PDB file of N, CA and C in Angstrom:
ATOM      1  N   UNK A   1       0.848  -1.235  -0.031  1.00  0.00           N
ATOM      2  CA  UNK A   1      -0.003   0.024   0.028  1.00  0.00           C
ATOM      3  C   UNK A   1       0.916   1.257   0.029  1.00  0.00           C
ATOM      4  N   UNK A   2       0.682   2.204  -0.949  1.00  0.00           N
ATOM      5  CA  UNK A   2       1.481   3.304  -0.915  1.00  0.00           C
ATOM      6  C   UNK A   2       1.353   4.275   0.239  1.00  0.00           C
ATOM      7  N   UNK A   3       2.367   4.986   0.544  1.00  0.00           N
ATOM      8  CA  UNK A   3       2.319   5.782   1.743  1.00  0.00           C
ATOM      9  C   UNK A   3       1.938   7.258   1.252  1.00  0.00           C
ATOM     10  N   UNK A   4       1.082   7.865   2.027  1.00  0.00           N
ATOM     11  CA  UNK A   4       0.610   9.142   1.755  1.00  0.00           C
ATOM     12  C   UNK A   4       1.528  10.120   2.396  1.00  0.00           C
ATOM     13  N   UNK A   5       1.882  11.159   1.683  1.00  0.00           N
ATOM     14  CA  UNK A   5       2.806  12.205   2.222  1.00  0.00           C
ATOM     15  C   UNK A   5       1.992  13.447   2.425  1.00  0.00           C
ATOM     16  N   UNK A   6       2.329  14.103   3.618  1.00  0.00           N
ATOM     17  CA  UNK A   6       1.591  15.261   4.059  1.00  0.00           C
ATOM     18  C   UNK A   6       2.592  16.424   4.330  1.00  0.00           C
ATOM     19  N   UNK A   7       2.114  17.669   4.099  1.00  0.00           N
ATOM     20  CA  UNK A   7       2.813  18.781   4.396  1.00  0.00           C
ATOM     21  C   UNK A   7       2.379  19.150   5.736  1.00  0.00           C
ATOM     22  N   UNK A   8       3.011  20.121   6.449  1.00  0.00           N
ATOM     23  CA  UNK A   8       2.724  20.535   7.787  1.00  0.00           C
ATOM     24  C   UNK A   8       1.289  20.985   7.983  1.00  0.00           C
ATOM     25  N   UNK A   9       0.746  21.776   7.043  1.00  0.00           N
ATOM     26  CA  UNK A   9      -0.530  22.309   7.192  1.00  0.00           C
ATOM     27  C   UNK A   9      -1.606  21.125   7.058  1.00  0.00           C
ATOM     28  N   UNK A  10      -1.314  20.136   6.286  1.00  0.00           N
ATOM     29  CA  UNK A  10      -2.236  18.973   6.146  1.00  0.00           C
ATOM     30  C   UNK A  10      -2.193  18.130   7.445  1.00  0.00           C
ATOM     31  N   UNK A  11      -0.992  18.089   7.946  1.00  0.00           N
ATOM     32  CA  UNK A  11      -0.880  17.305   9.187  1.00  0.00           C
ATOM     33  C   UNK A  11      -1.641  17.925  10.306  1.00  0.00           C
ATOM     34  N   UNK A  12      -1.542  19.208  10.417  1.00  0.00           N
ATOM     35  CA  UNK A  12      -2.344  19.953  11.388  1.00  0.00           C
ATOM     36  C   UNK A  12      -3.791  19.781  11.214  1.00  0.00           C
ATOM     37  N   UNK A  13      -4.289  19.847  10.062  1.00  0.00           N
ATOM     38  CA  UNK A  13      -5.735  19.634   9.738  1.00  0.00           C
ATOM     39  C   UNK A  13      -6.216  18.175  10.160  1.00  0.00           C
ATOM     40  N   UNK A  14      -5.369  17.154   9.736  1.00  0.00           N
ATOM     41  CA  UNK A  14      -5.721  15.779  10.014  1.00  0.00           C
ATOM     42  C   UNK A  14      -5.594  15.361  11.497  1.00  0.00           C
ATOM     43  N   UNK A  15      -4.751  15.867  12.128  1.00  0.00           N
ATOM     44  CA  UNK A  15      -4.476  15.535  13.593  1.00  0.00           C
ATOM     45  C   UNK A  15      -5.191  16.394  14.576  1.00  0.00           C
ATOM     46  N   UNK A  16      -5.736  17.572  14.196  1.00  0.00           N
ATOM     47  CA  UNK A  16      -6.390  18.448  15.071  1.00  0.00           C
ATOM     48  C   UNK A  16      -5.519  19.264  15.857  1.00  0.00           C
ATOM     49  N   UNK A  17      -4.213  19.274  15.540  1.00  0.00           N
ATOM     50  CA  UNK A  17      -3.256  20.019  16.297  1.00  0.00           C
ATOM     51  C   UNK A  17      -2.838  21.260  15.414  1.00  0.00           C
ATOM     52  N   UNK A  18      -2.473  22.311  16.147  1.00  0.00           N
ATOM     53  CA  UNK A  18      -2.011  23.517  15.489  1.00  0.00           C
ATOM     54  C   UNK A  18      -0.615  23.287  14.904  1.00  0.00           C
ATOM     55  N   UNK A  19      -0.334  24.069  13.853  1.00  0.00           N
ATOM     56  CA  UNK A  19       0.970  24.094  13.190  1.00  0.00           C
ATOM     57  C   UNK A  19       2.025  24.461  14.387  1.00  0.00           C
ATOM     58  N   UNK A  20       1.770  25.338  15.135  1.00  0.00           N
ATOM     59  CA  UNK A  20       2.663  25.807  16.212  1.00  0.00           C
ATOM     60  C   UNK A  20       2.936  24.621  17.239  1.00  0.00           C
ATOM     61  N   UNK A  21       1.838  23.824  17.515  1.00  0.00           N
ATOM     62  CA  UNK A  21       2.056  22.653  18.446  1.00  0.00           C
ATOM     63  C   UNK A  21       2.816  21.675  17.776  1.00  0.00           C
ATOM     64  N   UNK A  22       2.572  21.352  16.577  1.00  0.00           N
ATOM     65  CA  UNK A  22       3.415  20.308  15.722  1.00  0.00           C
ATOM     66  C   UNK A  22       4.832  20.699  15.736  1.00  0.00           C
ATOM     67  N   UNK A  23       5.136  22.025  15.416  1.00  0.00           N
ATOM     68  CA  UNK A  23       6.506  22.438  15.411  1.00  0.00           C
ATOM     69  C   UNK A  23       7.183  22.232  16.894  1.00  0.00           C
ATOM     70  N   UNK A  24       6.339  22.464  17.933  1.00  0.00           N
ATOM     71  CA  UNK A  24       6.982  22.345  19.276  1.00  0.00           C
ATOM     72  C   UNK A  24       7.314  20.869  19.532  1.00  0.00           C
ATOM     73  N   UNK A  25       6.355  19.993  19.145  1.00  0.00           N
ATOM     74  CA  UNK A  25       6.465  18.498  19.242  1.00  0.00           C
ATOM     75  C   UNK A  25       7.671  18.092  18.547  1.00  0.00           C
ATOM     76  N   UNK A  26       7.937  18.611  17.304  1.00  0.00           N
ATOM     77  CA  UNK A  26       9.161  18.300  16.510  1.00  0.00           C
ATOM     78  C   UNK A  26      10.437  18.650  17.316  1.00  0.00           C
ATOM     79  N   UNK A  27      10.266  19.846  17.905  1.00  0.00           N
ATOM     80  CA  UNK A  27      11.553  20.372  18.738  1.00  0.00           C
ATOM     81  C   UNK A  27      11.718  19.421  19.935  1.00  0.00           C
ATOM     82  N   UNK A  28      10.660  18.980  20.528  1.00  0.00           N
ATOM     83  CA  UNK A  28      10.817  18.029  21.617  1.00  0.00           C
ATOM     84  C   UNK A  28      11.247  16.616  21.240  1.00  0.00           C
ATOM     85  N   UNK A  29      11.125  16.284  19.951  1.00  0.00           N
ATOM     86  CA  UNK A  29      11.451  14.934  19.602  1.00  0.00           C
ATOM     87  C   UNK A  29      10.210  13.980  19.704  1.00  0.00           C
ATOM     88  N   UNK A  30       9.096  14.472  19.886  1.00  0.00           N
ATOM     89  CA  UNK A  30       7.893  13.623  19.941  1.00  0.00           C
ATOM     90  C   UNK A  30       7.522  13.008  18.691  1.00  0.00           C
ATOM     91  N   UNK A  31       7.756  13.797  17.652  1.00  0.00           N
ATOM     92  CA  UNK A  31       7.459  13.373  16.251  1.00  0.00           C
ATOM     93  C   UNK A  31       8.658  13.727  15.368  1.00  0.00           C
ATOM     94  N   UNK A  32       8.700  13.017  14.180  1.00  0.00           N
ATOM     95  CA  UNK A  32       9.834  13.484  13.200  1.00  0.00           C
ATOM     96  C   UNK A  32       9.339  13.603  11.856  1.00  0.00           C
ATOM     97  N   UNK A  33       9.873  14.445  11.139  1.00  0.00           N
ATOM     98  CA  UNK A  33       9.537  14.579   9.820  1.00  0.00           C
ATOM     99  C   UNK A  33      10.167  13.341   8.942  1.00  0.00           C
ATOM    100  N   UNK A  34       9.651  13.061   7.836  1.00  0.00           N
ATOM    101  CA  UNK A  34      10.324  11.978   7.030  1.00  0.00           C
ATOM    102  C   UNK A  34      11.102  12.504   5.943  1.00  0.00           C
ATOM    103  N   UNK A  35      11.109  13.805   5.812  1.00  0.00           N
ATOM    104  CA  UNK A  35      11.925  14.469   4.778  1.00  0.00           C
ATOM    105  C   UNK A  35      11.599  15.939   4.595  1.00  0.00           C
ATOM    106  N   UNK A  36      12.489  16.512   3.757  1.00  0.00           N
ATOM    107  CA  UNK A  36      12.208  17.966   3.336  1.00  0.00           C
ATOM    108  C   UNK A  36      12.410  18.168   1.908  1.00  0.00           C
ATOM    109  N   UNK A  37      11.814  19.098   1.397  1.00  0.00           N
ATOM    110  CA  UNK A  37      12.019  19.471   0.019  1.00  0.00           C
ATOM    111  C   UNK A  37      13.316  20.266   0.001  1.00  0.00           C
ATOM    112  N   UNK A  38      14.240  19.930  -0.972  1.00  0.00           N
ATOM    113  CA  UNK A  38      15.446  20.640  -1.089  1.00  0.00           C
ATOM    114  C   UNK A  38      15.256  22.113  -1.597  1.00  0.00           C
ATOM    115  N   UNK A  39      14.231  22.296  -2.411  1.00  0.00           N
ATOM    116  CA  UNK A  39      13.989  23.556  -2.989  1.00  0.00           C
ATOM    117  C   UNK A  39      13.313  24.542  -1.952  1.00  0.00           C
ATOM    118  N   UNK A  40      12.234  24.013  -1.349  1.00  0.00           N
ATOM    119  CA  UNK A  40      11.301  24.892  -0.473  1.00  0.00           C
ATOM    120  C   UNK A  40      11.686  24.718   0.952  1.00  0.00           C
ATOM    121  N   UNK A  41      12.274  23.637   1.446  1.00  0.00           N
ATOM    122  CA  UNK A  41      12.562  23.301   2.727  1.00  0.00           C
ATOM    123  C   UNK A  41      11.244  22.874   3.485  1.00  0.00           C
ATOM    124  N   UNK A  42      10.135  22.569   2.740  1.00  0.00           N
ATOM    125  CA  UNK A  42       8.844  22.178   3.412  1.00  0.00           C
ATOM    126  C   UNK A  42       9.145  20.813   4.018  1.00  0.00           C
ATOM    127  N   UNK A  43       8.576  20.641   5.213  1.00  0.00           N
ATOM    128  CA  UNK A  43       8.684  19.347   5.929  1.00  0.00           C
ATOM    129  C   UNK A  43       7.628  18.406   5.371  1.00  0.00           C
ATOM    130  N   UNK A  44       7.938  17.070   5.404  1.00  0.00           N
ATOM    131  CA  UNK A  44       7.012  16.112   4.885  1.00  0.00           C
ATOM    132  C   UNK A  44       6.824  15.025   6.008  1.00  0.00           C
ATOM    133  N   UNK A  45       5.611  14.569   6.046  1.00  0.00           N
ATOM    134  CA  UNK A  45       5.198  13.597   7.097  1.00  0.00           C
ATOM    135  C   UNK A  45       4.410  12.485   6.437  1.00  0.00           C
ATOM    136  N   UNK A  46       4.142  11.350   7.236  1.00  0.00           N
ATOM    137  CA  UNK A  46       3.391  10.307   6.616  1.00  0.00           C
ATOM    138  C   UNK A  46       2.231   9.893   7.617  1.00  0.00           C
ATOM    139  N   UNK A  47       1.547   8.832   7.237  1.00  0.00           N
ATOM    140  CA  UNK A  47       0.366   8.424   8.085  1.00  0.00           C
ATOM    141  C   UNK A  47       0.768   7.978   9.463  1.00  0.00           C
ATOM    142  N   UNK A  48       1.880   7.503   9.735  1.00  0.00           N
ATOM    143  CA  UNK A  48       2.331   7.218  11.140  1.00  0.00           C
ATOM    144  C   UNK A  48       2.554   8.468  11.968  1.00  0.00           C
ATOM    145  N   UNK A  49       2.886   9.559  11.397  1.00  0.00           N
ATOM    146  CA  UNK A  49       2.932  10.797  12.131  1.00  0.00           C
ATOM    147  C   UNK A  49       1.572  11.315  12.554  1.00  0.00           C
ATOM    148  N   UNK A  50       0.614  11.165  11.644  1.00  0.00           N
ATOM    149  CA  UNK A  50      -0.856  11.503  11.923  1.00  0.00           C
ATOM    150  C   UNK A  50      -1.340  10.733  13.071  1.00  0.00           C
ATOM    151  N   UNK A  51      -1.049   9.355  13.034  1.00  0.00           N
ATOM    152  CA  UNK A  51      -1.544   8.456  14.086  1.00  0.00           C
ATOM    153  C   UNK A  51      -0.807   8.855  15.453  1.00  0.00           C
ATOM    154  N   UNK A  52       0.454   9.151  15.440  1.00  0.00           N
ATOM    155  CA  UNK A  52       1.255   9.534  16.622  1.00  0.00           C
ATOM    156  C   UNK A  52       0.748  10.750  17.177  1.00  0.00           C
ATOM    157  N   UNK A  53       0.373  11.749  16.385  1.00  0.00           N
ATOM    158  CA  UNK A  53      -0.178  13.048  16.844  1.00  0.00           C
ATOM    159  C   UNK A  53      -1.646  12.834  17.490  1.00  0.00           C
ATOM    160  N   UNK A  54      -2.377  11.937  16.861  1.00  0.00           N
ATOM    161  CA  UNK A  54      -3.676  11.651  17.467  1.00  0.00           C
ATOM    162  C   UNK A  54      -3.561  10.947  18.822  1.00  0.00           C
ATOM    163  N   UNK A  55      -2.561  10.034  18.982  1.00  0.00           N
ATOM    164  CA  UNK A  55      -2.274   9.465  20.169  1.00  0.00           C
ATOM    165  C   UNK A  55      -1.877  10.456  21.262  1.00  0.00           C
ATOM    166  N   UNK A  56      -0.913  11.282  20.875  1.00  0.00           N
ATOM    167  CA  UNK A  56      -0.425  12.342  21.798  1.00  0.00           C
ATOM    168  C   UNK A  56      -1.618  13.210  22.273  1.00  0.00           C
ATOM    169  N   UNK A  57      -2.448  13.603  21.312  1.00  0.00           N
ATOM    170  CA  UNK A  57      -3.654  14.449  21.726  1.00  0.00           C
ATOM    171  C   UNK A  57      -4.530  13.728  22.756  1.00  0.00           C
ATOM    172  N   UNK A  58      -4.670  12.357  22.515  1.00  0.00           N
ATOM    173  CA  UNK A  58      -5.595  11.626  23.413  1.00  0.00           C
ATOM    174  C   UNK A  58      -4.927  11.579  24.813  1.00  0.00           C
ATOM    175  N   UNK A  59      -3.620  11.345  24.907  1.00  0.00           N
ATOM    176  CA  UNK A  59      -2.934  11.380  26.147  1.00  0.00           C
ATOM    177  C   UNK A  59      -2.953  12.679  26.825  1.00  0.00           C
ATOM    178  N   UNK A  60      -2.800  13.719  26.075  1.00  0.00           N
ATOM    179  CA  UNK A  60      -2.880  15.154  26.639  1.00  0.00           C
ATOM    180  C   UNK A  60      -4.271  15.335  27.273  1.00  0.00           C
ATOM    181  N   UNK A  61      -5.230  14.898  26.594  1.00  0.00           N
ATOM    182  CA  UNK A  61      -6.709  15.041  27.056  1.00  0.00           C
ATOM    183  C   UNK A  61      -6.878  14.337  28.462  1.00  0.00           C
ATOM    184  N   UNK A  62      -6.082  13.404  28.691  1.00  0.00           N
ATOM    185  CA  UNK A  62      -6.031  12.584  30.026  1.00  0.00           C
ATOM    186  C   UNK A  62      -5.055  13.194  30.929  1.00  0.00           C
ATOM    187  N   UNK A  63      -4.542  14.359  30.641  1.00  0.00           N
ATOM    188  CA  UNK A  63      -3.654  15.157  31.475  1.00  0.00           C
ATOM    189  C   UNK A  63      -2.305  14.509  31.760  1.00  0.00           C
ATOM    190  N   UNK A  64      -1.822  13.765  30.740  1.00  0.00           N
ATOM    191  CA  UNK A  64      -0.552  13.093  30.849  1.00  0.00           C
ATOM    192  C   UNK A  64       0.482  14.146  30.359  1.00  0.00           C
ATOM    193  N   UNK A  65       1.510  14.308  31.154  1.00  0.00           N
ATOM    194  CA  UNK A  65       2.571  15.376  30.720  1.00  0.00           C
ATOM    195  C   UNK A  65       3.289  14.920  29.504  1.00  0.00           C
ATOM    196  N   UNK A  66       3.951  16.007  28.819  1.00  0.00           N
ATOM    197  CA  UNK A  66       4.807  15.745  27.675  1.00  0.00           C
ATOM    198  C   UNK A  66       5.942  14.867  27.971  1.00  0.00           C
ATOM    199  N   UNK A  67       6.451  15.007  29.271  1.00  0.00           N
ATOM    200  CA  UNK A  67       7.531  14.171  29.659  1.00  0.00           C
ATOM    201  C   UNK A  67       7.181  12.736  29.741  1.00  0.00           C
ATOM    202  N   UNK A  68       6.033  12.475  30.315  1.00  0.00           N
ATOM    203  CA  UNK A  68       5.502  11.120  30.349  1.00  0.00           C
ATOM    204  C   UNK A  68       5.223  10.524  28.988  1.00  0.00           C
ATOM    205  N   UNK A  69       4.618  11.469  28.122  1.00  0.00           N
ATOM    206  CA  UNK A  69       4.319  10.952  26.795  1.00  0.00           C
ATOM    207  C   UNK A  69       5.534  10.598  26.095  1.00  0.00           C
ATOM    208  N   UNK A  70       6.679  11.367  26.236  1.00  0.00           N
ATOM    209  CA  UNK A  70       7.947  11.057  25.618  1.00  0.00           C
ATOM    210  C   UNK A  70       8.441   9.751  26.090  1.00  0.00           C
ATOM    211  N   UNK A  71       8.338   9.481  27.382  1.00  0.00           N
ATOM    212  CA  UNK A  71       8.651   8.116  27.888  1.00  0.00           C
ATOM    213  C   UNK A  71       7.861   6.913  27.334  1.00  0.00           C
ATOM    214  N   UNK A  72       6.482   7.184  27.235  1.00  0.00           N
ATOM    215  CA  UNK A  72       5.619   6.231  26.665  1.00  0.00           C
ATOM    216  C   UNK A  72       5.945   5.911  25.139  1.00  0.00           C
ATOM    217  N   UNK A  73       6.294   6.994  24.426  1.00  0.00           N
ATOM    218  CA  UNK A  73       6.701   6.729  23.029  1.00  0.00           C
ATOM    219  C   UNK A  73       8.036   6.017  22.911  1.00  0.00           C
ATOM    220  N   UNK A  74       8.975   6.400  23.764  1.00  0.00           N
ATOM    221  CA  UNK A  74      10.248   5.706  23.798  1.00  0.00           C
ATOM    222  C   UNK A  74      10.108   4.173  24.058  1.00  0.00           C
ATOM    223  N   UNK A  75       9.130   3.889  24.985  1.00  0.00           N
ATOM    224  CA  UNK A  75       8.982   2.523  25.385  1.00  0.00           C
ATOM    225  C   UNK A  75       8.308   1.707  24.227  1.00  0.00           C
ATOM    226  N   UNK A  76       7.699   2.285  23.417  1.00  0.00           N
ATOM    227  CA  UNK A  76       7.057   1.692  22.295  1.00  0.00           C
ATOM    228  C   UNK A  76       8.122   1.401  21.134  1.00  0.00           C
ATOM    229  N   UNK A  77       9.103   2.262  21.143  1.00  0.00           N
ATOM    230  CA  UNK A  77      10.059   2.173  19.987  1.00  0.00           C
ATOM    231  C   UNK A  77      10.940   0.867  20.029  1.00  0.00           C
TER     232      UNK A  77
END
C-alpha cells in the first residue's frame, strides 16, 4: 500500500493540532519529519505521524505530561 505524504498544514488539519504545536512537538522529539523539500525546505510527514499526533492528543486530554508521553513513546520504539 502506498504511503501518503503530508505537508505541515495537512498534518495539522488531519491531527487536530495547530502548526505551532506540531513544530513544538518536533523540537521536543515527540514526532519526526520523514523528509524535506530541497527547494522549499517544506517538511514532509506520513500516516504514522498523523497516528502518533492523534495518540499524543488523546494522552494530553487525559492530563498526561509531555515528559510522560515522551517516555511512553520511547518505550514503544
